[in-house]
Amino acid sequence: MCLAIPMRITAIDGFNARCEAKGVFRDVSLFMMQDEPPAIGDFVMVHVGYAIQKMTEAEARSTWELLDQVLEETPN
């Protein structure tokens, strides 16, 4: 199963961004977002190290809530 995670951009350096989600930071490529360049503070969907699309903060929060529900119901 493939999964993209919503993250907020905290810094940008060329085609690379530092992103954060729930206290976890990752370096992410913006290469696939050249048609709609994101800015610091934007939320993006991140899949295998690449930002693949912008999203609103409400969409990101809704996705995090759904992911939390799945994790709560998944046996260890």
N, C-alpha and C. Protein backbone atom coordinates (compact mmCIF):
# COMPACT_ATOMS: atom_id res chain seq x y z
N MET A 1 0.84 -1.17 0.00
CA MET A 1 0.00 0.00 0.00
C MET A 1 0.89 1.24 0.00
N CYS A 2 0.57 2.19 -0.84
CA CYS A 2 1.31 3.46 -0.89
C CYS A 2 0.55 4.50 -0.09
N LEU A 3 1.28 5.36 0.56
CA LEU A 3 0.67 6.34 1.43
C LEU A 3 1.42 7.65 1.33
N ALA A 4 0.68 8.74 1.21
CA ALA A 4 1.27 10.08 1.24
C ALA A 4 0.87 10.73 2.57
N ILE A 5 1.78 11.49 3.14
CA ILE A 5 1.58 12.10 4.45
C ILE A 5 1.56 13.62 4.30
N PRO A 6 0.58 14.29 4.90
CA PRO A 6 0.58 15.76 4.85
C PRO A 6 1.67 16.31 5.78
N MET A 7 2.41 17.29 5.26
CA MET A 7 3.46 17.93 6.04
C MET A 7 3.44 19.43 5.75
N ARG A 8 3.93 20.21 6.74
CA ARG A 8 4.02 21.67 6.58
C ARG A 8 5.46 22.04 6.28
N ILE A 9 5.66 22.89 5.28
CA ILE A 9 7.00 23.33 4.90
C ILE A 9 7.51 24.36 5.90
N THR A 10 8.70 24.11 6.46
CA THR A 10 9.29 25.04 7.42
C THR A 10 10.48 25.81 6.85
N ALA A 11 11.08 25.28 5.78
CA ALA A 11 12.21 25.96 5.13
C ALA A 11 12.35 25.45 3.71
N ILE A 12 12.84 26.31 2.82
CA ILE A 12 13.05 25.93 1.42
C ILE A 12 14.44 26.36 1.00
N ASP A 13 15.12 25.44 0.29
CA ASP A 13 16.43 25.72 -0.28
C ASP A 13 16.45 25.13 -1.68
N GLY A 14 16.16 25.96 -2.68
CA GLY A 14 16.09 25.47 -4.05
C GLY A 14 14.93 24.51 -4.23
N PHE A 15 15.24 23.27 -4.67
CA PHE A 15 14.21 22.26 -4.86
C PHE A 15 14.09 21.34 -3.64
N ASN A 16 14.64 21.74 -2.52
CA ASN A 16 14.55 20.95 -1.29
C ASN A 16 13.84 21.75 -0.22
N ALA A 17 13.07 21.04 0.60
CA ALA A 17 12.34 21.69 1.68
C ALA A 17 12.49 20.87 2.96
N ARG A 18 12.47 21.58 4.07
CA ARG A 18 12.40 20.92 5.38
C ARG A 18 10.93 20.96 5.75
N CYS A 19 10.36 19.79 6.05
CA CYS A 19 8.93 19.70 6.34
C CYS A 19 8.71 19.07 7.71
N GLU A 20 7.56 19.39 8.31
CA GLU A 20 7.24 18.89 9.65
C GLU A 20 5.82 18.37 9.68
N ALA A 21 5.63 17.26 10.41
CA ALA A 21 4.31 16.72 10.69
C ALA A 21 4.34 16.10 12.07
N LYS A 22 3.53 16.62 12.97
CA LYS A 22 3.40 16.08 14.32
C LYS A 22 4.75 15.95 15.04
N GLY A 23 5.62 16.96 14.85
CA GLY A 23 6.90 16.97 15.53
C GLY A 23 8.01 16.21 14.84
N VAL A 24 7.71 15.58 13.71
CA VAL A 24 8.71 14.83 12.95
C VAL A 24 9.12 15.68 11.74
N PHE A 25 10.43 15.85 11.55
CA PHE A 25 10.95 16.65 10.45
C PHE A 25 11.58 15.75 9.39
N ARG A 26 11.40 16.12 8.13
CA ARG A 26 11.99 15.38 7.01
C ARG A 26 12.44 16.38 5.95
N ASP A 27 13.51 16.00 5.24
CA ASP A 27 13.92 16.75 4.06
C ASP A 27 13.17 16.16 2.87
N VAL A 28 12.55 17.03 2.08
CA VAL A 28 11.65 16.62 1.01
C VAL A 28 12.04 17.32 -0.28
N SER A 29 11.95 16.61 -1.39
CA SER A 29 12.21 17.21 -2.70
C SER A 29 10.96 17.94 -3.21
N LEU A 30 11.17 19.12 -3.75
CA LEU A 30 10.09 19.89 -4.38
C LEU A 30 10.12 19.78 -5.89
N PHE A 31 10.97 18.91 -6.41
CA PHE A 31 11.18 18.80 -7.85
C PHE A 31 9.88 18.57 -8.61
N MET A 32 8.97 17.78 -8.05
CA MET A 32 7.71 17.47 -8.76
C MET A 32 6.69 18.60 -8.65
N MET A 33 7.01 19.67 -7.94
CA MET A 33 6.07 20.77 -7.73
C MET A 33 6.46 22.02 -8.52
N GLN A 34 7.21 21.87 -9.58
CA GLN A 34 7.70 23.03 -10.33
C GLN A 34 6.58 23.86 -10.95
N ASP A 35 5.44 23.25 -11.26
CA ASP A 35 4.33 23.99 -11.86
C ASP A 35 3.57 24.85 -10.85
N GLU A 36 3.61 24.46 -9.58
CA GLU A 36 2.96 25.23 -8.53
C GLU A 36 3.88 25.29 -7.31
N PRO A 37 4.93 26.12 -7.38
CA PRO A 37 5.92 26.15 -6.30
C PRO A 37 5.30 26.50 -4.95
N PRO A 38 5.56 25.69 -3.93
CA PRO A 38 5.03 25.98 -2.61
C PRO A 38 5.90 27.00 -1.89
N ALA A 39 5.37 27.53 -0.80
CA ALA A 39 6.07 28.51 0.02
C ALA A 39 6.17 28.00 1.45
N ILE A 40 7.03 28.62 2.23
CA ILE A 40 7.14 28.27 3.65
C ILE A 40 5.77 28.47 4.30
N GLY A 41 5.36 27.48 5.06
CA GLY A 41 4.05 27.51 5.72
C GLY A 41 2.98 26.73 4.98
N ASP A 42 3.21 26.44 3.70
CA ASP A 42 2.25 25.64 2.93
C ASP A 42 2.24 24.20 3.40
N PHE A 43 1.11 23.55 3.21
CA PHE A 43 0.99 22.13 3.48
C PHE A 43 1.07 21.38 2.17
N VAL A 44 1.82 20.28 2.16
CA VAL A 44 1.98 19.46 0.96
C VAL A 44 1.81 17.99 1.33
N MET A 45 1.38 17.20 0.35
CA MET A 45 1.35 15.75 0.50
C MET A 45 2.73 15.24 0.13
N VAL A 46 3.33 14.41 1.00
CA VAL A 46 4.68 13.88 0.77
C VAL A 46 4.60 12.38 0.58
N HIS A 47 5.16 11.91 -0.53
CA HIS A 47 5.20 10.49 -0.85
C HIS A 47 6.62 10.11 -1.24
N VAL A 48 7.18 9.15 -0.55
CA VAL A 48 8.56 8.66 -0.76
C VAL A 48 9.57 9.79 -0.95
N GLY A 49 9.47 10.82 -0.11
CA GLY A 49 10.46 11.89 -0.12
C GLY A 49 10.20 13.02 -1.09
N TYR A 50 9.06 12.97 -1.78
CA TYR A 50 8.71 14.02 -2.75
C TYR A 50 7.39 14.68 -2.37
N ALA A 51 7.35 16.01 -2.40
CA ALA A 51 6.08 16.72 -2.28
C ALA A 51 5.36 16.55 -3.61
N ILE A 52 4.11 16.08 -3.56
CA ILE A 52 3.41 15.79 -4.82
C ILE A 52 2.24 16.73 -5.09
N GLN A 53 1.73 17.41 -4.04
CA GLN A 53 0.68 18.40 -4.28
C GLN A 53 0.48 19.25 -3.04
N LYS A 54 -0.03 20.48 -3.26
CA LYS A 54 -0.38 21.36 -2.15
C LYS A 54 -1.72 20.93 -1.59
N MET A 55 -1.95 21.29 -0.34
CA MET A 55 -3.25 21.05 0.28
C MET A 55 -3.50 22.14 1.31
N THR A 56 -4.74 22.26 1.75
CA THR A 56 -5.06 23.25 2.76
C THR A 56 -4.74 22.69 4.15
N GLU A 57 -4.66 23.59 5.12
CA GLU A 57 -4.43 23.14 6.49
C GLU A 57 -5.57 22.25 6.96
N ALA A 58 -6.80 22.59 6.58
CA ALA A 58 -7.96 21.78 6.97
C ALA A 58 -7.86 20.37 6.39
N GLU A 59 -7.44 20.26 5.13
CA GLU A 59 -7.26 18.94 4.51
C GLU A 59 -6.17 18.15 5.23
N ALA A 60 -5.09 18.82 5.60
CA ALA A 60 -4.00 18.15 6.30
C ALA A 60 -4.48 17.64 7.66
N ARG A 61 -5.18 18.47 8.41
CA ARG A 61 -5.68 18.05 9.73
C ARG A 61 -6.66 16.89 9.61
N SER A 62 -7.53 16.94 8.63
CA SER A 62 -8.49 15.86 8.42
C SER A 62 -7.77 14.55 8.10
N THR A 63 -6.74 14.63 7.27
CA THR A 63 -5.97 13.44 6.92
C THR A 63 -5.25 12.88 8.14
N TRP A 64 -4.65 13.76 8.97
CA TRP A 64 -3.97 13.30 10.19
C TRP A 64 -4.95 12.60 11.13
N GLU A 65 -6.17 13.16 11.23
CA GLU A 65 -7.19 12.54 12.09
C GLU A 65 -7.54 11.14 11.60
N LEU A 66 -7.70 10.99 10.30
CA LEU A 66 -8.00 9.67 9.74
C LEU A 66 -6.85 8.69 9.95
N LEU A 67 -5.63 9.15 9.75
CA LEU A 67 -4.47 8.28 9.96
C LEU A 67 -4.36 7.87 11.43
N ASP A 68 -4.65 8.79 12.35
CA ASP A 68 -4.63 8.46 13.78
C ASP A 68 -5.67 7.39 14.10
N GLN A 69 -6.85 7.49 13.50
CA GLN A 69 -7.89 6.49 13.72
C GLN A 69 -7.44 5.11 13.24
N VAL A 70 -6.82 5.06 12.08
CA VAL A 70 -6.34 3.79 11.55
C VAL A 70 -5.30 3.19 12.48
N LEU A 71 -4.38 4.02 12.96
CA LEU A 71 -3.32 3.53 13.86
C LEU A 71 -3.89 3.02 15.19
N GLU A 72 -4.93 3.68 15.68
CA GLU A 72 -5.56 3.25 16.93
C GLU A 72 -6.23 1.89 16.80
N GLU A 73 -6.75 1.60 15.62
CA GLU A 73 -7.48 0.34 15.40
C GLU A 73 -6.61 -0.78 14.87
N THR A 74 -5.34 -0.49 14.59
CA THR A 74 -4.43 -1.51 14.08
C THR A 74 -3.78 -2.23 15.25
N PRO A 75 -3.91 -3.59 15.28
CA PRO A 75 -3.25 -4.33 16.36
C PRO A 75 -1.74 -4.24 16.25
N ASN A 76 -1.06 -4.30 17.38
CA ASN A 76 0.41 -4.23 17.38
C ASN A 76 1.02 -5.46 16.84
